[in-house]
Amino acid sequence: MSTPTPIRAQDLQERLQAGEPLQLVDVREPMELELARLSQPVIHLPLSESERWIGSLREVLDPDRDVVVLCHAGVRSWQFGCWLMEAQGFPRVWNLHGGIDAWSVEADPSVPRY
């Protein structure tokens, strides 16, 4: 079974600051996104709304580019990342270890914790 590679918040921040063309995918619910979000653009694919976006996934995400998935604590994004790799054939998927909560603590304290 393929699983996403964990990435720590500080490492992700460095890659973003270096200008790497990462696809950031946030699988949290819309309400969670309103509470705390990255300052970088993200592709919002809430898991509860998968029937809305699943048919156009390859139009939204490029399988030839690195994908970094995130949620609140890193569990839902890990599950989504596994699905992306196993069922959809995405080869380079990273999971933000500790999710947006870790991002708030380790990378950007201006992002509220909840």
PDB file of N, CA and C in Angstrom:
ATOM      1  N   MET A   1       0.845  -1.185   0.000  1.00  0.00           N
ATOM      2  CA  MET A   1       0.000   0.000   0.000  1.00  0.00           C
ATOM      3  C   MET A   1       0.890   1.250   0.000  1.00  0.00           C
ATOM      4  N   SER A   2       0.587   2.175  -0.879  1.00  0.00           N
ATOM      5  CA  SER A   2       1.308   3.444  -0.920  1.00  0.00           C
ATOM      6  C   SER A   2       0.708   4.400   0.102  1.00  0.00           C
ATOM      7  N   THR A   3       1.568   5.127   0.778  1.00  0.00           N
ATOM      8  CA  THR A   3       1.107   6.121   1.744  1.00  0.00           C
ATOM      9  C   THR A   3       1.829   7.442   1.502  1.00  0.00           C
ATOM     10  N   PRO A   4       1.188   8.547   1.846  1.00  0.00           N
ATOM     11  CA  PRO A   4       1.817   9.848   1.658  1.00  0.00           C
ATOM     12  C   PRO A   4       3.056  10.001   2.542  1.00  0.00           C
ATOM     13  N   THR A   5       3.987  10.780   2.078  1.00  0.00           N
ATOM     14  CA  THR A   5       5.194  11.083   2.839  1.00  0.00           C
ATOM     15  C   THR A   5       4.873  12.199   3.827  1.00  0.00           C
ATOM     16  N   PRO A   6       5.181  12.009   5.104  1.00  0.00           N
ATOM     17  CA  PRO A   6       4.937  13.102   6.055  1.00  0.00           C
ATOM     18  C   PRO A   6       5.876  14.276   5.777  1.00  0.00           C
ATOM     19  N   ILE A   7       5.353  15.474   5.955  1.00  0.00           N
ATOM     20  CA  ILE A   7       6.174  16.672   5.840  1.00  0.00           C
ATOM     21  C   ILE A   7       5.855  17.564   7.033  1.00  0.00           C
ATOM     22  N   ARG A   8       6.892  18.034   7.694  1.00  0.00           N
ATOM     23  CA  ARG A   8       6.721  18.910   8.845  1.00  0.00           C
ATOM     24  C   ARG A   8       6.401  20.330   8.362  1.00  0.00           C
ATOM     25  N   ALA A   9       5.722  21.078   9.211  1.00  0.00           N
ATOM     26  CA  ALA A   9       5.287  22.428   8.851  1.00  0.00           C
ATOM     27  C   ALA A   9       6.459  23.307   8.434  1.00  0.00           C
ATOM     28  N   GLN A  10       7.557  23.253   9.169  1.00  0.00           N
ATOM     29  CA  GLN A  10       8.708  24.097   8.830  1.00  0.00           C
ATOM     30  C   GLN A  10       9.295  23.715   7.475  1.00  0.00           C
ATOM     31  N   ASP A  11       9.328  22.428   7.173  1.00  0.00           N
ATOM     32  CA  ASP A  11       9.852  21.986   5.873  1.00  0.00           C
ATOM     33  C   ASP A  11       8.938  22.439   4.734  1.00  0.00           C
ATOM     34  N   LEU A  12       7.637  22.353   4.956  1.00  0.00           N
ATOM     35  CA  LEU A  12       6.694  22.821   3.946  1.00  0.00           C
ATOM     36  C   LEU A  12       6.847  24.325   3.743  1.00  0.00           C
ATOM     37  N   GLN A  13       6.981  25.053   4.823  1.00  0.00           N
ATOM     38  CA  GLN A  13       7.154  26.501   4.724  1.00  0.00           C
ATOM     39  C   GLN A  13       8.406  26.846   3.907  1.00  0.00           C
ATOM     40  N   GLU A  14       9.493  26.127   4.139  1.00  0.00           N
ATOM     41  CA  GLU A  14      10.721  26.367   3.378  1.00  0.00           C
ATOM     42  C   GLU A  14      10.527  26.077   1.899  1.00  0.00           C
ATOM     43  N   ARG A  15       9.834  24.995   1.594  1.00  0.00           N
ATOM     44  CA  ARG A  15       9.590  24.655   0.187  1.00  0.00           C
ATOM     45  C   ARG A  15       8.719  25.709  -0.487  1.00  0.00           C
ATOM     46  N   LEU A  16       7.712  26.196   0.227  1.00  0.00           N
ATOM     47  CA  LEU A  16       6.850  27.236  -0.328  1.00  0.00           C
ATOM     48  C   LEU A  16       7.633  28.535  -0.528  1.00  0.00           C
ATOM     49  N   GLN A  17       8.449  28.900   0.436  1.00  0.00           N
ATOM     50  CA  GLN A  17       9.241  30.122   0.319  1.00  0.00           C
ATOM     51  C   GLN A  17      10.254  30.021  -0.812  1.00  0.00           C
ATOM     52  N   ALA A  18      10.701  28.808  -1.111  1.00  0.00           N
ATOM     53  CA  ALA A  18      11.643  28.597  -2.214  1.00  0.00           C
ATOM     54  C   ALA A  18      10.935  28.641  -3.572  1.00  0.00           C
ATOM     55  N   GLY A  19       9.612  28.733  -3.546  1.00  0.00           N
ATOM     56  CA  GLY A  19       8.855  28.836  -4.786  1.00  0.00           C
ATOM     57  C   GLY A  19       8.538  27.524  -5.463  1.00  0.00           C
ATOM     58  N   GLU A  20       8.634  26.414  -4.737  1.00  0.00           N
ATOM     59  CA  GLU A  20       8.297  25.122  -5.343  1.00  0.00           C
ATOM     60  C   GLU A  20       6.827  25.119  -5.756  1.00  0.00           C
ATOM     61  N   PRO A  21       6.523  24.588  -6.924  1.00  0.00           N
ATOM     62  CA  PRO A  21       5.139  24.595  -7.424  1.00  0.00           C
ATOM     63  C   PRO A  21       4.302  23.469  -6.819  1.00  0.00           C
ATOM     64  N   LEU A  22       4.047  23.566  -5.531  1.00  0.00           N
ATOM     65  CA  LEU A  22       3.282  22.543  -4.823  1.00  0.00           C
ATOM     66  C   LEU A  22       1.792  22.802  -4.967  1.00  0.00           C
ATOM     67  N   GLN A  23       1.047  21.729  -5.038  1.00  0.00           N
ATOM     68  CA  GLN A  23      -0.407  21.820  -5.009  1.00  0.00           C
ATOM     69  C   GLN A  23      -0.831  21.557  -3.574  1.00  0.00           C
ATOM     70  N   LEU A  24      -1.353  22.576  -2.903  1.00  0.00           N
ATOM     71  CA  LEU A  24      -1.811  22.441  -1.525  1.00  0.00           C
ATOM     72  C   LEU A  24      -3.294  22.108  -1.536  1.00  0.00           C
ATOM     73  N   VAL A  25      -3.646  20.982  -0.937  1.00  0.00           N
ATOM     74  CA  VAL A  25      -5.040  20.544  -0.907  1.00  0.00           C
ATOM     75  C   VAL A  25      -5.500  20.490   0.538  1.00  0.00           C
ATOM     76  N   ASP A  26      -6.542  21.243   0.850  1.00  0.00           N
ATOM     77  CA  ASP A  26      -7.118  21.281   2.190  1.00  0.00           C
ATOM     78  C   ASP A  26      -8.428  20.504   2.156  1.00  0.00           C
ATOM     79  N   VAL A  27      -8.519  19.446   2.963  1.00  0.00           N
ATOM     80  CA  VAL A  27      -9.713  18.593   2.941  1.00  0.00           C
ATOM     81  C   VAL A  27     -10.672  18.891   4.090  1.00  0.00           C
ATOM     82  N   ARG A  28     -10.400  19.973   4.841  1.00  0.00           N
ATOM     83  CA  ARG A  28     -11.273  20.323   5.956  1.00  0.00           C
ATOM     84  C   ARG A  28     -12.615  20.863   5.467  1.00  0.00           C
ATOM     85  N   GLU A  29     -13.536  20.959   6.405  1.00  0.00           N
ATOM     86  CA  GLU A  29     -14.864  21.481   6.109  1.00  0.00           C
ATOM     87  C   GLU A  29     -14.798  23.001   5.928  1.00  0.00           C
ATOM     88  N   PRO A  30     -15.757  23.584   5.192  1.00  0.00           N
ATOM     89  CA  PRO A  30     -15.740  25.031   4.972  1.00  0.00           C
ATOM     90  C   PRO A  30     -15.656  25.840   6.269  1.00  0.00           C
ATOM     91  N   MET A  31     -16.363  25.412   7.302  1.00  0.00           N
ATOM     92  CA  MET A  31     -16.337  26.115   8.580  1.00  0.00           C
ATOM     93  C   MET A  31     -14.916  26.120   9.172  1.00  0.00           C
ATOM     94  N   GLU A  32     -14.202  25.005   9.031  1.00  0.00           N
ATOM     95  CA  GLU A  32     -12.833  24.929   9.537  1.00  0.00           C
ATOM     96  C   GLU A  32     -11.907  25.862   8.760  1.00  0.00           C
ATOM     97  N   LEU A  33     -12.136  25.955   7.472  1.00  0.00           N
ATOM     98  CA  LEU A  33     -11.324  26.831   6.632  1.00  0.00           C
ATOM     99  C   LEU A  33     -11.497  28.288   7.051  1.00  0.00           C
ATOM    100  N   GLU A  34     -12.715  28.644   7.471  1.00  0.00           N
ATOM    101  CA  GLU A  34     -12.971  30.005   7.941  1.00  0.00           C
ATOM    102  C   GLU A  34     -12.242  30.290   9.250  1.00  0.00           C
ATOM    103  N   LEU A  35     -12.062  29.266  10.086  1.00  0.00           N
ATOM    104  CA  LEU A  35     -11.405  29.448  11.380  1.00  0.00           C
ATOM    105  C   LEU A  35      -9.904  29.670  11.240  1.00  0.00           C
ATOM    106  N   ALA A  36      -9.279  28.913  10.339  1.00  0.00           N
ATOM    107  CA  ALA A  36      -7.822  28.981  10.190  1.00  0.00           C
ATOM    108  C   ALA A  36      -7.452  28.520   8.793  1.00  0.00           C
ATOM    109  N   ARG A  37      -6.613  29.291   8.138  1.00  0.00           N
ATOM    110  CA  ARG A  37      -6.180  28.927   6.785  1.00  0.00           C
ATOM    111  C   ARG A  37      -4.750  29.374   6.545  1.00  0.00           C
ATOM    112  N   LEU A  38      -4.119  28.705   5.595  1.00  0.00           N
ATOM    113  CA  LEU A  38      -2.786  29.109   5.167  1.00  0.00           C
ATOM    114  C   LEU A  38      -2.892  30.410   4.385  1.00  0.00           C
ATOM    115  N   SER A  39      -1.819  31.174   4.360  1.00  0.00           N
ATOM    116  CA  SER A  39      -1.835  32.402   3.574  1.00  0.00           C
ATOM    117  C   SER A  39      -1.617  32.104   2.089  1.00  0.00           C
ATOM    118  N   GLN A  40      -1.103  30.910   1.775  1.00  0.00           N
ATOM    119  CA  GLN A  40      -0.903  30.497   0.385  1.00  0.00           C
ATOM    120  C   GLN A  40      -2.232  29.976  -0.192  1.00  0.00           C
ATOM    121  N   PRO A  41      -2.382  30.060  -1.505  1.00  0.00           N
ATOM    122  CA  PRO A  41      -3.592  29.509  -2.125  1.00  0.00           C
ATOM    123  C   PRO A  41      -3.660  27.994  -1.930  1.00  0.00           C
ATOM    124  N   VAL A  42      -4.851  27.516  -1.621  1.00  0.00           N
ATOM    125  CA  VAL A  42      -5.076  26.081  -1.487  1.00  0.00           C
ATOM    126  C   VAL A  42      -6.229  25.656  -2.379  1.00  0.00           C
ATOM    127  N   ILE A  43      -6.210  24.392  -2.720  1.00  0.00           N
ATOM    128  CA  ILE A  43      -7.337  23.780  -3.422  1.00  0.00           C
ATOM    129  C   ILE A  43      -8.200  23.162  -2.333  1.00  0.00           C
ATOM    130  N   HIS A  44      -9.420  23.649  -2.193  1.00  0.00           N
ATOM    131  CA  HIS A  44     -10.293  23.196  -1.113  1.00  0.00           C
ATOM    132  C   HIS A  44     -11.174  22.051  -1.611  1.00  0.00           C
ATOM    133  N   LEU A  45     -10.916  20.856  -1.083  1.00  0.00           N
ATOM    134  CA  LEU A  45     -11.697  19.667  -1.433  1.00  0.00           C
ATOM    135  C   LEU A  45     -12.228  19.034  -0.151  1.00  0.00           C
ATOM    136  N   PRO A  46     -13.291  19.615   0.432  1.00  0.00           N
ATOM    137  CA  PRO A  46     -13.815  19.055   1.674  1.00  0.00           C
ATOM    138  C   PRO A  46     -14.286  17.618   1.462  1.00  0.00           C
ATOM    139  N   LEU A  47     -13.872  16.746   2.355  1.00  0.00           N
ATOM    140  CA  LEU A  47     -14.202  15.334   2.190  1.00  0.00           C
ATOM    141  C   LEU A  47     -15.705  15.082   2.185  1.00  0.00           C
ATOM    142  N   SER A  48     -16.457  15.849   2.969  1.00  0.00           N
ATOM    143  CA  SER A  48     -17.905  15.641   3.032  1.00  0.00           C
ATOM    144  C   SER A  48     -18.606  16.023   1.731  1.00  0.00           C
ATOM    145  N   GLU A  49     -17.907  16.739   0.848  1.00  0.00           N
ATOM    146  CA  GLU A  49     -18.497  17.166  -0.422  1.00  0.00           C
ATOM    147  C   GLU A  49     -17.863  16.445  -1.612  1.00  0.00           C
ATOM    148  N   SER A  50     -17.323  15.255  -1.371  1.00  0.00           N
ATOM    149  CA  SER A  50     -16.582  14.549  -2.427  1.00  0.00           C
ATOM    150  C   SER A  50     -17.433  14.264  -3.665  1.00  0.00           C
ATOM    151  N   GLU A  51     -18.741  14.063  -3.493  1.00  0.00           N
ATOM    152  CA  GLU A  51     -19.573  13.813  -4.667  1.00  0.00           C
ATOM    153  C   GLU A  51     -19.589  15.008  -5.611  1.00  0.00           C
ATOM    154  N   ARG A  52     -19.325  16.195  -5.088  1.00  0.00           N
ATOM    155  CA  ARG A  52     -19.313  17.411  -5.905  1.00  0.00           C
ATOM    156  C   ARG A  52     -18.036  17.516  -6.744  1.00  0.00           C
ATOM    157  N   TRP A  53     -16.893  17.110  -6.191  1.00  0.00           N
ATOM    158  CA  TRP A  53     -15.617  17.338  -6.874  1.00  0.00           C
ATOM    159  C   TRP A  53     -14.937  16.081  -7.409  1.00  0.00           C
ATOM    160  N   ILE A  54     -15.384  14.912  -7.042  1.00  0.00           N
ATOM    161  CA  ILE A  54     -14.645  13.698  -7.411  1.00  0.00           C
ATOM    162  C   ILE A  54     -14.569  13.488  -8.929  1.00  0.00           C
ATOM    163  N   GLY A  55     -15.612  13.856  -9.645  1.00  0.00           N
ATOM    164  CA  GLY A  55     -15.620  13.657 -11.094  1.00  0.00           C
ATOM    165  C   GLY A  55     -14.670  14.572 -11.845  1.00  0.00           C
ATOM    166  N   SER A  56     -14.280  15.671 -11.230  1.00  0.00           N
ATOM    167  CA  SER A  56     -13.388  16.628 -11.892  1.00  0.00           C
ATOM    168  C   SER A  56     -12.022  16.697 -11.220  1.00  0.00           C
ATOM    169  N   LEU A  57     -11.679  15.682 -10.449  1.00  0.00           N
ATOM    170  CA  LEU A  57     -10.431  15.708  -9.681  1.00  0.00           C
ATOM    171  C   LEU A  57      -9.212  15.948 -10.561  1.00  0.00           C
ATOM    172  N   ARG A  58      -9.125  15.285 -11.691  1.00  0.00           N
ATOM    173  CA  ARG A  58      -7.945  15.434 -12.556  1.00  0.00           C
ATOM    174  C   ARG A  58      -7.926  16.764 -13.307  1.00  0.00           C
ATOM    175  N   GLU A  59      -9.031  17.465 -13.314  1.00  0.00           N
ATOM    176  CA  GLU A  59      -9.042  18.817 -13.865  1.00  0.00           C
ATOM    177  C   GLU A  59      -8.525  19.812 -12.825  1.00  0.00           C
ATOM    178  N   VAL A  60      -8.684  19.454 -11.560  1.00  0.00           N
ATOM    179  CA  VAL A  60      -8.287  20.330 -10.457  1.00  0.00           C
ATOM    180  C   VAL A  60      -6.849  20.065 -10.018  1.00  0.00           C
ATOM    181  N   LEU A  61      -6.454  18.792  -9.993  1.00  0.00           N
ATOM    182  CA  LEU A  61      -5.111  18.401  -9.550  1.00  0.00           C
ATOM    183  C   LEU A  61      -4.314  17.787 -10.687  1.00  0.00           C
ATOM    184  N   ASP A  62      -3.060  18.160 -10.773  1.00  0.00           N
ATOM    185  CA  ASP A  62      -2.149  17.637 -11.779  1.00  0.00           C
ATOM    186  C   ASP A  62      -1.346  16.494 -11.166  1.00  0.00           C
ATOM    187  N   PRO A  63      -1.534  15.252 -11.645  1.00  0.00           N
ATOM    188  CA  PRO A  63      -0.810  14.121 -11.059  1.00  0.00           C
ATOM    189  C   PRO A  63       0.701  14.177 -11.280  1.00  0.00           C
ATOM    190  N   ASP A  64       1.162  15.047 -12.162  1.00  0.00           N
ATOM    191  CA  ASP A  64       2.595  15.161 -12.422  1.00  0.00           C
ATOM    192  C   ASP A  64       3.292  16.150 -11.488  1.00  0.00           C
ATOM    193  N   ARG A  65       2.535  16.802 -10.625  1.00  0.00           N
ATOM    194  CA  ARG A  65       3.110  17.743  -9.655  1.00  0.00           C
ATOM    195  C   ARG A  65       2.929  17.213  -8.241  1.00  0.00           C
ATOM    196  N   ASP A  66       3.815  17.614  -7.337  1.00  0.00           N
ATOM    197  CA  ASP A  66       3.697  17.224  -5.935  1.00  0.00           C
ATOM    198  C   ASP A  66       2.400  17.780  -5.351  1.00  0.00           C
ATOM    199  N   VAL A  67       1.738  16.942  -4.545  1.00  0.00           N
ATOM    200  CA  VAL A  67       0.516  17.326  -3.857  1.00  0.00           C
ATOM    201  C   VAL A  67       0.788  17.262  -2.356  1.00  0.00           C
ATOM    202  N   VAL A  68       0.455  18.337  -1.647  1.00  0.00           N
ATOM    203  CA  VAL A  68       0.560  18.349  -0.191  1.00  0.00           C
ATOM    204  C   VAL A  68      -0.858  18.474   0.349  1.00  0.00           C
ATOM    205  N   VAL A  69      -1.273  17.495   1.147  1.00  0.00           N
ATOM    206  CA  VAL A  69      -2.627  17.495   1.696  1.00  0.00           C
ATOM    207  C   VAL A  69      -2.582  17.883   3.170  1.00  0.00           C
ATOM    208  N   LEU A  70      -3.641  18.566   3.600  1.00  0.00           N
ATOM    209  CA  LEU A  70      -3.702  18.971   4.997  1.00  0.00           C
ATOM    210  C   LEU A  70      -5.131  18.978   5.504  1.00  0.00           C
ATOM    211  N   CYS A  71      -5.238  18.846   6.802  1.00  0.00           N
ATOM    212  CA  CYS A  71      -6.514  18.950   7.504  1.00  0.00           C
ATOM    213  C   CYS A  71      -6.208  19.592   8.860  1.00  0.00           C
ATOM    214  N   HIS A  72      -7.017  19.330   9.862  1.00  0.00           N
ATOM    215  CA  HIS A  72      -6.779  19.944  11.171  1.00  0.00           C
ATOM    216  C   HIS A  72      -5.586  19.331  11.880  1.00  0.00           C
ATOM    217  N   ALA A  73      -5.538  18.002  11.959  1.00  0.00           N
ATOM    218  CA  ALA A  73      -4.467  17.339  12.721  1.00  0.00           C
ATOM    219  C   ALA A  73      -3.633  16.372  11.885  1.00  0.00           C
ATOM    220  N   GLY A  74      -4.020  16.127  10.647  1.00  0.00           N
ATOM    221  CA  GLY A  74      -3.236  15.259   9.774  1.00  0.00           C
ATOM    222  C   GLY A  74      -3.802  13.879   9.529  1.00  0.00           C
ATOM    223  N   VAL A  75      -4.945  13.559  10.133  1.00  0.00           N
ATOM    224  CA  VAL A  75      -5.521  12.216   9.975  1.00  0.00           C
ATOM    225  C   VAL A  75      -6.361  12.126   8.705  1.00  0.00           C
ATOM    226  N   ARG A  76      -7.312  13.041   8.532  1.00  0.00           N
ATOM    227  CA  ARG A  76      -8.154  13.017   7.325  1.00  0.00           C
ATOM    228  C   ARG A  76      -7.310  13.210   6.076  1.00  0.00           C
ATOM    229  N   SER A  77      -6.324  14.097   6.152  1.00  0.00           N
ATOM    230  CA  SER A  77      -5.475  14.334   4.984  1.00  0.00           C
ATOM    231  C   SER A  77      -4.637  13.099   4.666  1.00  0.00           C
ATOM    232  N   TRP A  78      -4.190  12.379   5.687  1.00  0.00           N
ATOM    233  CA  TRP A  78      -3.438  11.137   5.443  1.00  0.00           C
ATOM    234  C   TRP A  78      -4.329  10.129   4.712  1.00  0.00           C
ATOM    235  N   GLN A  79      -5.578   9.987   5.168  1.00  0.00           N
ATOM    236  CA  GLN A  79      -6.509   9.063   4.511  1.00  0.00           C
ATOM    237  C   GLN A  79      -6.759   9.486   3.062  1.00  0.00           C
ATOM    238  N   PHE A  80      -6.956  10.772   2.847  1.00  0.00           N
ATOM    239  CA  PHE A  80      -7.167  11.286   1.500  1.00  0.00           C
ATOM    240  C   PHE A  80      -5.925  11.054   0.644  1.00  0.00           C
ATOM    241  N   GLY A  81      -4.759  11.296   1.214  1.00  0.00           N
ATOM    242  CA  GLY A  81      -3.502  11.076   0.496  1.00  0.00           C
ATOM    243  C   GLY A  81      -3.330   9.625   0.086  1.00  0.00           C
ATOM    244  N   CYS A  82      -3.663   8.704   0.976  1.00  0.00           N
ATOM    245  CA  CYS A  82      -3.604   7.272   0.638  1.00  0.00           C
ATOM    246  C   CYS A  82      -4.527   6.972  -0.535  1.00  0.00           C
ATOM    247  N   TRP A  83      -5.728   7.516  -0.507  1.00  0.00           N
ATOM    248  CA  TRP A  83      -6.693   7.311  -1.584  1.00  0.00           C
ATOM    249  C   TRP A  83      -6.175   7.901  -2.890  1.00  0.00           C
ATOM    250  N   LEU A  84      -5.588   9.109  -2.820  1.00  0.00           N
ATOM    251  CA  LEU A  84      -5.029   9.722  -4.026  1.00  0.00           C
ATOM    252  C   LEU A  84      -3.982   8.820  -4.668  1.00  0.00           C
ATOM    253  N   MET A  85      -3.152   8.223  -3.843  1.00  0.00           N
ATOM    254  CA  MET A  85      -2.072   7.379  -4.355  1.00  0.00           C
ATOM    255  C   MET A  85      -2.600   6.033  -4.842  1.00  0.00           C
ATOM    256  N   GLU A  86      -3.396   5.370  -4.036  1.00  0.00           N
ATOM    257  CA  GLU A  86      -3.856   4.014  -4.345  1.00  0.00           C
ATOM    258  C   GLU A  86      -4.922   3.982  -5.433  1.00  0.00           C
ATOM    259  N   ALA A  87      -5.944   4.799  -5.274  1.00  0.00           N
ATOM    260  CA  ALA A  87      -7.088   4.727  -6.184  1.00  0.00           C
ATOM    261  C   ALA A  87      -6.955   5.639  -7.400  1.00  0.00           C
ATOM    262  N   GLN A  88      -6.191   6.715  -7.260  1.00  0.00           N
ATOM    263  CA  GLN A  88      -6.106   7.690  -8.341  1.00  0.00           C
ATOM    264  C   GLN A  88      -4.734   7.730  -9.023  1.00  0.00           C
ATOM    265  N   GLY A  89      -3.763   7.025  -8.467  1.00  0.00           N
ATOM    266  CA  GLY A  89      -2.458   6.915  -9.106  1.00  0.00           C
ATOM    267  C   GLY A  89      -1.556   8.133  -9.004  1.00  0.00           C
ATOM    268  N   PHE A  90      -1.783   8.994  -8.025  1.00  0.00           N
ATOM    269  CA  PHE A  90      -0.902  10.145  -7.834  1.00  0.00           C
ATOM    270  C   PHE A  90       0.386   9.652  -7.181  1.00  0.00           C
ATOM    271  N   PRO A  91       1.544   9.887  -7.798  1.00  0.00           N
ATOM    272  CA  PRO A  91       2.777   9.292  -7.281  1.00  0.00           C
ATOM    273  C   PRO A  91       3.468  10.069  -6.154  1.00  0.00           C
ATOM    274  N   ARG A  92       3.292  11.392  -6.110  1.00  0.00           N
ATOM    275  CA  ARG A  92       4.038  12.208  -5.134  1.00  0.00           C
ATOM    276  C   ARG A  92       3.057  12.994  -4.261  1.00  0.00           C
ATOM    277  N   VAL A  93       2.700  12.364  -3.150  1.00  0.00           N
ATOM    278  CA  VAL A  93       1.746  12.971  -2.221  1.00  0.00           C
ATOM    279  C   VAL A  93       2.420  13.109  -0.855  1.00  0.00           C
ATOM    280  N   TRP A  94       2.288  14.278  -0.281  1.00  0.00           N
ATOM    281  CA  TRP A  94       2.837  14.599   1.038  1.00  0.00           C
ATOM    282  C   TRP A  94       1.684  14.912   1.971  1.00  0.00           C
ATOM    283  N   ASN A  95       1.833  14.570   3.239  1.00  0.00           N
ATOM    284  CA  ASN A  95       0.822  14.871   4.244  1.00  0.00           C
ATOM    285  C   ASN A  95       1.433  15.804   5.287  1.00  0.00           C
ATOM    286  N   LEU A  96       0.789  16.945   5.527  1.00  0.00           N
ATOM    287  CA  LEU A  96       1.280  17.888   6.525  1.00  0.00           C
ATOM    288  C   LEU A  96       1.129  17.251   7.904  1.00  0.00           C
ATOM    289  N   HIS A  97       2.253  16.870   8.477  1.00  0.00           N
ATOM    290  CA  HIS A  97       2.283  16.208   9.783  1.00  0.00           C
ATOM    291  C   HIS A  97       1.737  17.159  10.857  1.00  0.00           C
ATOM    292  N   GLY A  98       0.676  16.738  11.526  1.00  0.00           N
ATOM    293  CA  GLY A  98       0.066  17.584  12.553  1.00  0.00           C
ATOM    294  C   GLY A  98      -0.925  18.592  12.027  1.00  0.00           C
ATOM    295  N   GLY A  99      -1.089  18.645  10.705  1.00  0.00           N
ATOM    296  CA  GLY A  99      -2.097  19.492  10.088  1.00  0.00           C
ATOM    297  C   GLY A  99      -1.921  20.985  10.315  1.00  0.00           C
ATOM    298  N   ILE A 100      -3.029  21.700  10.141  1.00  0.00           N
ATOM    299  CA  ILE A 100      -3.018  23.156  10.282  1.00  0.00           C
ATOM    300  C   ILE A 100      -2.665  23.552  11.711  1.00  0.00           C
ATOM    301  N   ASP A 101      -2.954  22.667  12.661  1.00  0.00           N
ATOM    302  CA  ASP A 101      -2.606  22.956  14.048  1.00  0.00           C
ATOM    303  C   ASP A 101      -1.084  23.044  14.203  1.00  0.00           C
ATOM    304  N   ALA A 102      -0.361  22.108  13.616  1.00  0.00           N
ATOM    305  CA  ALA A 102       1.104  22.150  13.660  1.00  0.00           C
ATOM    306  C   ALA A 102       1.626  23.360  12.895  1.00  0.00           C
ATOM    307  N   TRP A 103       0.971  23.699  11.788  1.00  0.00           N
ATOM    308  CA  TRP A 103       1.371  24.882  11.017  1.00  0.00           C
ATOM    309  C   TRP A 103       1.306  26.129  11.914  1.00  0.00           C
ATOM    310  N   SER A 104       0.223  26.235  12.700  1.00  0.00           N
ATOM    311  CA  SER A 104       0.047  27.382  13.600  1.00  0.00           C
ATOM    312  C   SER A 104       1.165  27.473  14.628  1.00  0.00           C
ATOM    313  N   VAL A 105       1.612  26.329  15.117  1.00  0.00           N
ATOM    314  CA  VAL A 105       2.631  26.295  16.169  1.00  0.00           C
ATOM    315  C   VAL A 105       4.040  26.419  15.598  1.00  0.00           C
ATOM    316  N   GLU A 106       4.323  25.704  14.511  1.00  0.00           N
ATOM    317  CA  GLU A 106       5.694  25.576  14.015  1.00  0.00           C
ATOM    318  C   GLU A 106       6.076  26.551  12.899  1.00  0.00           C
ATOM    319  N   ALA A 107       5.095  27.018  12.130  1.00  0.00           N
ATOM    320  CA  ALA A 107       5.432  27.804  10.943  1.00  0.00           C
ATOM    321  C   ALA A 107       4.857  29.215  10.956  1.00  0.00           C
ATOM    322  N   ASP A 108       3.607  29.366  11.351  1.00  0.00           N
ATOM    323  CA  ASP A 108       2.963  30.676  11.262  1.00  0.00           C
ATOM    324  C   ASP A 108       2.012  30.881  12.435  1.00  0.00           C
ATOM    325  N   PRO A 109       2.502  31.491  13.517  1.00  0.00           N
ATOM    326  CA  PRO A 109       1.650  31.691  14.698  1.00  0.00           C
ATOM    327  C   PRO A 109       0.481  32.645  14.472  1.00  0.00           C
ATOM    328  N   SER A 110       0.452  33.336  13.320  1.00  0.00           N
ATOM    329  CA  SER A 110      -0.691  34.216  13.044  1.00  0.00           C
ATOM    330  C   SER A 110      -1.935  33.413  12.637  1.00  0.00           C
ATOM    331  N   VAL A 111      -1.739  32.129  12.314  1.00  0.00           N
ATOM    332  CA  VAL A 111      -2.875  31.271  11.978  1.00  0.00           C
ATOM    333  C   VAL A 111      -3.492  30.789  13.289  1.00  0.00           C
ATOM    334  N   PRO A 112      -4.771  31.097  13.515  1.00  0.00           N
ATOM    335  CA  PRO A 112      -5.402  30.718  14.783  1.00  0.00           C
ATOM    336  C   PRO A 112      -5.472  29.201  14.968  1.00  0.00           C
ATOM    337  N   ARG A 113      -5.361  28.794  16.219  1.00  0.00           N
ATOM    338  CA  ARG A 113      -5.549  27.380  16.574  1.00  0.00           C
ATOM    339  C   ARG A 113      -6.989  27.184  16.995  1.00  0.00           C
ATOM    340  N   TYR A 114      -7.521  26.024  16.719  1.00  0.00           N
ATOM    341  CA  TYR A 114      -8.883  25.705  17.156  1.00  0.00           C
ATOM    342  C   TYR A 114      -8.972  24.268  17.555  1.00  0.00           C
TER     343      TYR A 114
END
